[in-house]
Protein backbone atom coordinates (compact mmCIF):
# COMPACT_ATOMS: atom_id res chain seq x y z
CA MET A 1 18.95 -3.95 2.91
CA THR A 2 16.52 -0.89 2.31
CA PHE A 3 17.54 2.57 1.48
CA PRO A 4 16.84 5.81 3.38
CA SER A 5 14.92 8.04 1.08
CA PRO A 6 17.05 10.88 -1.15
CA ILE A 7 14.75 13.70 0.23
CA GLN A 8 14.94 12.51 4.02
CA GLU A 9 16.48 15.99 4.99
CA SER A 10 13.96 18.24 3.15
CA LEU A 11 11.12 16.07 4.72
CA GLU A 12 12.07 16.56 7.96
CA GLN A 13 12.72 20.29 7.48
CA TYR A 14 9.42 20.78 5.83
CA SER A 15 6.41 22.57 8.22
CA ILE A 16 3.47 24.38 7.72
CA ASP A 17 2.39 27.37 9.30
CA ILE A 18 -0.44 27.41 11.66
CA GLU A 19 -2.83 31.08 11.76
CA VAL A 20 -4.06 31.64 15.18
CA ALA A 21 -6.56 34.13 15.29
CA SER A 22 -7.74 35.74 18.84
CA GLU A 23 -9.92 38.06 20.16
CA VAL A 24 -8.97 38.06 23.55
CA PRO A 25 -7.91 41.54 24.40
CA THR A 26 -4.08 42.14 25.82
CA ARG A 27 -4.50 42.49 29.44
CA GLU A 28 -1.75 45.12 31.39
CA GLY A 29 0.48 42.78 33.68
CA ALA A 30 -0.63 39.68 32.33
CA ALA A 31 1.91 36.41 31.51
CA THR A 32 3.78 36.77 28.17
CA GLY A 33 4.66 34.03 25.83
CA THR A 34 5.26 32.69 22.29
CA PHE A 35 3.20 30.82 20.11
CA GLN A 36 4.85 27.44 18.22
CA SER A 37 3.14 28.28 14.78
CA LYS A 38 5.02 25.49 12.75
CA ILE A 39 4.13 21.95 13.29
CA MET A 40 6.94 19.39 12.16
CA THR A 41 7.06 16.33 10.60
CA GLU A 42 6.56 12.90 11.96
CA PHE A 43 8.26 9.73 10.79
CA LEU A 44 7.39 5.85 10.78
CA PRO A 45 9.80 2.97 10.64
CA TRP A 46 8.92 0.48 7.56
CA GLY A 47 9.96 -3.10 8.04
CA ASP A 48 13.20 -3.76 10.00
CA ASP A 49 16.27 -2.43 7.94
CA GLY A 50 16.03 1.44 8.94
CA CYS A 51 13.47 2.89 5.76
CA PHE A 52 11.63 5.22 7.10
CA VAL A 53 8.24 6.43 5.84
CA LEU A 54 6.80 10.18 6.52
CA ALA A 55 3.77 9.68 8.66
CA THR A 56 2.02 13.24 8.58
CA THR A 57 3.44 16.86 8.05
CA GLY A 58 1.46 17.88 11.00
CA VAL A 59 -2.45 17.98 10.07
CA VAL A 60 -3.44 14.53 9.17
CA GLU A 61 -7.25 16.18 7.81
CA LEU A 62 -5.57 18.50 5.90
CA GLU A 63 -3.36 15.67 4.11
CA TYR A 64 -6.75 13.42 3.75
CA ALA A 65 -8.57 16.56 2.26
CA ALA A 66 -5.83 16.72 -0.50
CA ILE A 67 -5.97 13.53 -1.56
CA ARG A 68 -9.43 13.59 -2.05
CA LYS A 69 -10.34 17.06 -3.51
CA ALA A 70 -6.69 17.81 -5.39
CA VAL A 71 -3.68 16.49 -5.47
CA ALA A 72 -1.40 14.97 -2.79
CA VAL A 73 2.51 13.75 -3.27
CA PHE A 74 3.61 10.87 -0.87
CA ASP A 75 7.81 10.09 -0.79
CA ALA A 76 7.62 6.52 -1.21
CA PRO A 77 11.16 5.06 -0.35
CA CYS A 78 9.08 1.96 0.72
CA ARG A 79 8.97 0.61 -2.70
CA GLY A 80 11.91 -0.65 -4.13
CA THR A 81 12.36 -1.31 -7.99
CA ILE A 82 13.85 -4.95 -9.87
CA GLN A 83 14.82 -4.48 -13.50
CA LEU A 84 14.47 -7.13 -15.86
CA THR A 85 16.44 -6.99 -19.40
CA GLY A 86 17.16 -9.19 -21.69
CA SER A 87 15.37 -11.46 -24.81
CA ASP A 88 13.33 -13.55 -22.54
CA ARG A 89 12.37 -11.38 -19.93
CA LEU A 90 8.59 -11.24 -20.69
CA GLU A 91 8.61 -15.24 -21.04
CA CYS A 92 10.76 -15.74 -17.89
CA LEU A 93 8.41 -13.33 -15.70
CA GLY A 94 5.31 -15.53 -17.24
CA ARG A 95 6.42 -18.60 -15.54
CA LEU A 96 6.95 -16.95 -12.05
CA THR A 97 3.53 -14.61 -11.73
CA THR A 98 0.15 -15.25 -12.01
CA GLN A 99 -0.94 -12.91 -14.78
CA LYS A 100 -0.25 -13.08 -18.71
CA VAL A 101 2.30 -10.61 -18.86
CA ASP A 102 3.72 -12.30 -22.19
CA GLU A 103 0.65 -10.23 -23.74
CA MET A 104 1.85 -7.14 -22.27
CA GLN A 105 2.99 -4.26 -24.46
CA VAL A 106 4.97 -1.47 -24.07
CA GLY A 107 3.32 1.27 -21.96
CA ASP A 108 1.17 -1.65 -20.04
CA THR A 109 1.25 -2.18 -16.48
CA LEU A 110 -0.33 -5.21 -14.59
CA LEU A 111 -0.65 -5.67 -11.02
CA ALA A 112 0.50 -9.82 -9.93
CA PHE A 113 1.42 -12.08 -7.35
CA VAL A 114 4.50 -14.14 -7.89
CA THR A 115 3.85 -17.25 -5.65
CA SER A 116 6.11 -20.18 -4.80
CA ARG A 117 5.76 -23.82 -5.65
CA LYS A 118 3.16 -24.43 -2.73
CA GLY A 119 0.76 -21.73 -4.27
CA ARG A 120 1.67 -19.33 -1.56
CA VAL A 121 2.68 -15.41 -2.48
CA VAL A 122 6.08 -14.58 -2.45
CA ALA A 123 5.64 -10.64 -3.75
CA ASP A 124 2.90 -8.41 -4.71
CA ILE A 125 4.15 -6.60 -7.89
CA ILE A 126 3.43 -3.96 -10.21
CA VAL A 127 4.93 -5.10 -13.38
CA ARG A 128 5.64 -2.15 -16.20
CA VAL A 129 7.16 -2.94 -19.48
CA PHE A 130 9.33 -0.91 -21.63
CA GLU A 131 10.77 -0.76 -24.99
CA ASP A 132 14.18 -2.49 -23.92
CA LYS A 133 12.98 -3.73 -20.33
CA ILE A 134 10.72 -4.52 -17.69
CA LEU A 135 10.45 -2.71 -13.88
CA LEU A 136 8.84 -4.61 -11.04
CA ASP A 137 7.93 -1.76 -8.46
CA VAL A 138 7.42 -4.10 -5.10
CA ASP A 139 7.71 -3.43 -1.13
CA VAL A 140 11.46 -2.35 -0.50
CA THR A 141 11.39 -5.14 2.45
CA VAL A 142 11.26 -8.06 -0.07
CA VAL A 143 13.38 -6.81 -3.40
CA GLN A 144 16.25 -8.97 -2.69
CA GLN A 145 14.37 -12.00 -2.06
CA LEU A 146 12.14 -11.78 -4.56
CA VAL A 147 15.77 -11.17 -6.71
CA ASP A 148 17.06 -14.71 -5.32
CA HIS A 149 13.61 -16.32 -5.92
CA MET A 150 13.78 -15.34 -9.66
CA LEU A 151 17.24 -16.28 -10.01
CA SER A 152 17.13 -19.44 -8.70
CA TYR A 153 14.42 -20.46 -11.78
CA ILE A 154 16.58 -19.36 -14.57
CA VAL A 155 18.52 -21.53 -16.52
CA MET A 156 19.48 -21.06 -20.06
CA GLU A 157 17.06 -18.19 -20.72
CA ASN A 158 18.46 -15.00 -22.02
CA VAL A 159 17.38 -12.53 -18.84
CA ALA A 160 19.28 -10.34 -16.57
CA ILE A 161 17.51 -9.73 -13.10
CA GLU A 162 18.99 -6.53 -10.89
CA ASN A 163 18.07 -4.52 -7.75
CA ILE A 164 18.35 -0.82 -9.08
CA SER A 165 16.75 0.49 -5.67
CA SER A 166 19.19 2.52 -5.32
CA SER A 167 19.64 4.21 -8.08
CA MET A 168 15.67 5.16 -8.62
CA HIS A 169 13.08 6.61 -6.38
CA TRP A 170 9.56 6.33 -6.30
CA PHE A 171 6.79 8.85 -5.91
CA TRP A 172 2.93 8.51 -5.71
CA CYS A 173 0.74 11.54 -6.64
CA ILE A 174 -2.77 11.03 -5.74
CA GLY A 175 -5.98 12.84 -6.27
CA PRO A 176 -8.36 13.90 -9.00
CA GLU A 177 -6.02 15.88 -10.28
CA ALA A 178 -2.96 13.93 -10.22
CA ASN A 179 -3.33 12.92 -14.06
CA LYS A 180 -2.45 16.73 -14.53
CA ILE A 181 0.99 16.30 -13.34
CA SER A 182 3.98 16.35 -15.59
CA ILE A 183 7.70 15.99 -14.82
CA GLU A 184 11.05 16.97 -16.71
CA ASP A 185 13.54 14.91 -14.65
CA GLY A 186 11.85 11.65 -14.83
CA GLN A 187 8.74 9.72 -15.49
CA VAL A 188 5.31 9.65 -15.17
CA LEU A 189 4.08 6.03 -15.23
CA SER A 190 0.39 4.57 -14.42
CA LEU A 191 -0.69 3.70 -10.67
CA PRO A 192 -3.25 1.04 -10.64
CA LYS A 193 -6.51 2.22 -8.51
CA ALA A 194 -6.30 -1.36 -7.51
CA VAL A 195 -3.23 -0.19 -4.92
CA LEU A 196 -4.43 1.84 -3.02
CA GLY A 197 -8.16 2.07 -4.25
CA ILE A 198 -7.68 6.03 -5.17
CA ASP A 199 -7.28 7.69 -8.80
CA GLY A 200 -2.81 8.27 -9.00
CA VAL A 201 0.05 8.23 -11.51
CA ALA A 202 3.29 7.20 -10.01
CA LEU A 203 6.68 8.99 -11.10
CA LEU A 204 9.93 7.62 -11.33
CA VAL A 205 13.33 9.29 -11.19
CA GLU A 206 16.34 8.90 -10.40
CA THR A 207 17.95 9.14 -6.85
CA LYS A 208 20.08 11.95 -7.64
CA ASN A 209 16.92 14.06 -9.26
CA ALA A 210 14.77 13.18 -6.20
CA HIS A 211 14.99 16.42 -4.26
CA LYS A 212 14.77 18.45 -7.67
CA VAL A 213 11.55 16.83 -8.58
CA TRP A 214 9.96 17.00 -5.03
CA GLU A 215 10.56 20.85 -4.93
CA ASN A 216 9.02 21.80 -7.92
CA LEU A 217 6.14 19.59 -7.35
CA VAL A 218 5.60 21.16 -3.58
CA GLN A 219 5.92 24.64 -5.78
CA GLY A 220 3.01 23.63 -8.34
CA GLY A 221 0.64 22.75 -5.83
CA CYS A 222 1.34 19.02 -4.54
CA LYS A 223 0.04 18.66 -0.96
CA PRO A 224 3.35 16.40 0.67
CA VAL A 225 1.30 14.09 2.57
CA GLY A 226 2.11 10.75 5.04
CA TRP A 227 1.25 7.63 5.49
CA PHE A 228 -1.41 8.54 8.09
CA ALA A 229 -3.40 10.23 5.54
CA LEU A 230 -2.81 7.40 2.98
CA ASN A 231 -3.62 4.93 5.29
CA MET A 232 -6.87 6.76 5.98
CA ALA A 233 -7.65 7.10 2.43
CA ARG A 234 -7.20 3.39 1.28
CA VAL A 235 -8.63 1.43 4.22
CA GLU A 236 -12.26 3.13 3.77
CA MET A 237 -11.88 2.00 -0.10
CA GLY A 238 -10.80 -1.36 1.09
CA ALA A 239 -7.61 -1.49 -0.66
CA PRO A 240 -5.61 -4.15 0.92
CA ILE A 241 -1.48 -3.73 1.24
CA PHE A 242 1.07 -6.53 0.90
CA LEU A 243 3.03 -7.13 4.49
CA ILE A 244 -0.07 -5.56 6.08
CA ASP A 245 -3.05 -6.93 5.58
CA PHE A 246 -1.81 -10.29 4.24
CA ASP A 247 2.01 -11.41 3.58
CA THR A 248 3.99 -14.39 2.27
CA ASN A 249 2.13 -17.16 4.37
CA ASN A 250 -1.05 -16.14 2.40
CA LEU A 251 -2.48 -17.99 -0.61
CA PRO A 252 -3.80 -15.58 -3.43
CA HIS A 253 -7.24 -16.68 -2.57
CA GLU A 254 -6.88 -15.40 0.95
CA ALA A 255 -5.71 -11.99 -0.14
CA ASN A 256 -9.10 -11.58 -1.69
CA VAL A 257 -7.90 -9.63 -4.75
CA LEU A 258 -7.76 -12.11 -7.44
CA SER A 259 -9.58 -9.90 -9.66
CA SER A 260 -6.93 -7.67 -10.09
CA ARG A 261 -3.72 -10.06 -9.60
CA VAL A 262 -4.77 -13.46 -10.95
CA ARG A 263 -5.45 -14.73 -14.38
CA PHE A 264 -7.15 -18.44 -14.40
CA ASP A 265 -6.67 -18.47 -18.40
CA LYS A 266 -3.01 -18.62 -18.47
CA GLY A 267 -0.47 -20.84 -19.21
CA CYS A 268 1.86 -22.95 -16.32
CA TYR A 269 3.48 -20.94 -13.63
CA LEU A 270 4.70 -21.62 -10.14
CA GLY A 271 2.12 -22.76 -7.67
CA GLN A 272 -0.62 -22.69 -10.64
CA GLU A 273 -1.88 -26.09 -9.50
CA ILE A 274 -2.66 -25.55 -6.35
CA ILE A 275 -3.95 -22.00 -7.10
CA ALA A 276 -6.43 -23.47 -9.78
CA ARG A 277 -7.91 -26.16 -7.54
CA MET A 278 -8.66 -23.98 -4.82
CA GLU A 279 -10.70 -22.05 -7.27
CA SER A 280 -12.24 -24.87 -8.68
CA LEU A 281 -13.38 -26.85 -5.49
CA GLY A 282 -12.14 -25.32 -3.01
CA LYS A 283 -12.42 -22.72 -0.04
CA PRO A 284 -9.82 -20.96 1.32
CA LYS A 285 -9.41 -21.50 5.28
CA GLN A 286 -9.62 -17.54 5.98
CA LYS A 287 -10.07 -14.78 3.51
CA LEU A 288 -9.42 -10.91 4.09
CA MET A 289 -12.89 -9.26 4.59
CA ARG A 290 -14.43 -5.48 5.56
CA ILE A 291 -15.75 -5.52 8.82
CA LYS A 292 -18.54 -2.98 9.68
CA MET A 293 -18.43 -1.66 13.35
CA LYS A 294 -22.00 -1.51 14.80
CA SER A 295 -20.85 1.52 16.89
CA ASP A 296 -18.34 4.29 16.45
CA ASP A 297 -15.48 2.22 18.45
CA LEU A 298 -12.21 1.63 16.41
CA PRO A 299 -10.32 -1.84 16.67
CA ILE A 300 -6.88 -1.40 16.39
CA ALA A 301 -4.49 -3.57 13.99
CA GLY A 302 -3.85 -6.90 16.06
CA THR A 303 -7.38 -7.20 17.43
CA GLN A 304 -8.70 -10.40 17.60
CA LEU A 305 -12.42 -11.39 16.30
CA TRP A 306 -14.59 -13.84 17.98
CA ALA A 307 -17.66 -15.91 17.07
CA SER A 308 -20.02 -15.20 20.03
CA SER A 309 -20.67 -11.91 22.07
CA ASP A 310 -18.53 -13.59 25.04
CA ALA A 311 -15.45 -13.35 22.97
CA SER A 312 -14.93 -17.32 24.12
CA GLY A 313 -13.41 -20.02 22.42
CA THR A 314 -11.30 -20.00 19.29
CA PRO A 315 -10.66 -16.33 17.33
CA SER A 316 -12.49 -16.13 14.11
CA GLY A 317 -10.30 -13.99 12.68
CA VAL A 318 -8.15 -10.68 13.06
CA VAL A 319 -8.20 -7.17 12.25
CA THR A 320 -5.12 -6.15 9.47
CA SER A 321 -5.95 -2.39 9.35
CA SER A 322 -8.10 0.27 11.04
CA ALA A 323 -8.81 3.68 10.08
CA ILE A 324 -11.48 6.34 10.90
CA SER A 325 -13.26 6.90 7.36
CA PRO A 326 -14.39 10.38 6.78
CA LEU A 327 -16.63 9.36 3.72
CA GLY A 328 -18.15 6.78 6.10
CA GLY A 329 -19.39 9.92 8.60
CA SER A 330 -16.22 9.26 10.59
CA LEU A 331 -17.35 5.71 11.51
CA PRO A 332 -14.28 3.24 11.80
CA ALA A 333 -13.14 1.38 7.95
CA VAL A 334 -11.74 -2.07 9.02
CA LEU A 335 -10.11 -5.04 7.19
CA ALA A 336 -9.33 -8.37 8.71
CA MET A 337 -8.51 -11.79 7.99
CA VAL A 338 -11.73 -13.68 8.72
CA GLY A 339 -11.62 -17.62 8.77
CA LYS A 340 -13.65 -19.64 6.73
CA LYS A 341 -16.75 -20.51 9.36
CA ASN A 342 -16.99 -16.48 9.60
CA TYR A 343 -16.25 -14.66 6.30
CA GLU A 344 -19.99 -15.13 4.45
CA VAL A 345 -21.05 -11.66 4.02
CA GLY A 346 -23.35 -10.40 6.99
CA THR A 347 -22.09 -12.63 9.49
CA SER A 348 -22.00 -11.14 13.04
CA VAL A 349 -18.39 -11.21 14.61
CA PHE A 350 -17.20 -9.53 17.91
CA ALA A 351 -13.93 -7.62 19.19
CA HIS A 352 -12.96 -6.39 22.17
CA VAL A 353 -12.37 -2.58 22.26
CA GLY A 354 -10.86 -1.62 25.14
CA THR A 355 -12.72 -3.14 28.36
CA GLU A 356 -15.90 -3.54 26.02
CA VAL A 357 -17.08 -6.32 23.18
CA MET A 358 -18.30 -4.75 20.31
CA GLU A 359 -20.43 -6.19 17.60
CA ALA A 360 -19.43 -6.23 13.95
CA SER A 361 -20.56 -7.46 10.49
CA VAL A 362 -18.76 -9.30 7.97
CA GLU A 363 -18.84 -7.17 4.63
CA ALA A 364 -17.57 -8.13 1.12
CA LEU A 365 -14.02 -6.38 0.29
C-alpha cells in the first residue's frame, strides 16, 4: 500500500503567473476575451497503488533551470521508510545487503542493494544510521515486500523492522545551493549524488509537519519541480532509477552501478556467491548503458534496439529512459539495457524512431 502526499492539495492548487507583453494596439470593434495567466500543476501515477507525484508546475524549462542554477524542491511521496531498531540491527542488515553497513557510524549514509539468494535485486535502498535506529529509504511500491523479505531471515536477532511510511515524508532539495537548506520541523540528511547524478539533500519530516515545511521552503526561494524536469536532469547525468531502468529481475552487474552500491570485500550476505562469481568469472547477459543518438531523434522508453541497420533478427536491447538534454545541446540523452553482444563501448545499435531507423552508439554509463 502506498500513501498519497500529505501536501497533495497544496500542490494541486499551486500555480505560476505568466506575464504576457503585447505591443499589438487595441482595435476598435475587435473581439475581446481573457488570457489565462496561470498555469496549473500536472501529476503522474507512481506504481499501481494510487501514489501520484508532481509531473510539472507548468513550465518544465524553468524547473530544470532551478535544478541547475539554484535550488529546487521535489515532493517525494514515491519514497517509503523502513525503521530498524534493536541491538543487532546493523549486523542483521549486513547479512542482507551488498554494502559493509556494519562499519557505518551515526550520521553515515550509503547506497546498497538488498539481494535474493539467487543474487537478484530485491530493492535499491538508501541506508541512514542514527544513534538508536537505522532508516531505509526505498521506493514506496516495494516497502512491504522488503519488510517481509527481511523478516523472513530473522531468527534470534534482537531487531525490530517496521514500515513507518505513513508517518514520515520525504522532500528532495536539489541544485548547487541545496546545501544551504535548513528546516525547523524535520531533519536535513545527505542525498548521495549517485541517486540522481545531482547535488542535493533529503529532508525527512513527520507527515503532520510536511505542509508547513513545504510552505517554508517555497517562501524561502525553493522552486517546486516535478518529475519531468528531475527526470531530464538525472537521465542526462546517467543516473539509473530502480523500477524504471532496472528491476527485481536484474542482477547488480546488469544495473551497472556497482561502484556506488556493492562491496566485494565484505562478509556473507544473500546472493553473495553468485554476485562474486559474476565479478570474477562472468559477463552479465545484459548491462545498462548510455546510448548516444547520431541524430536529434528521441527514442521513447520501451523502444527496442537492434544490431543491424535493417532492424531485423533478435533485439539487442531496449531503451529504459530518455529525455532531451539541455547540457548536451538539446540532443537526446538515452539509457538502455543492452545485450552482451552489443554493450561494448562504441558498438553501433539501431532504433525505430517513428517510421525511420536511426543509428546510435553505446557509451559508458
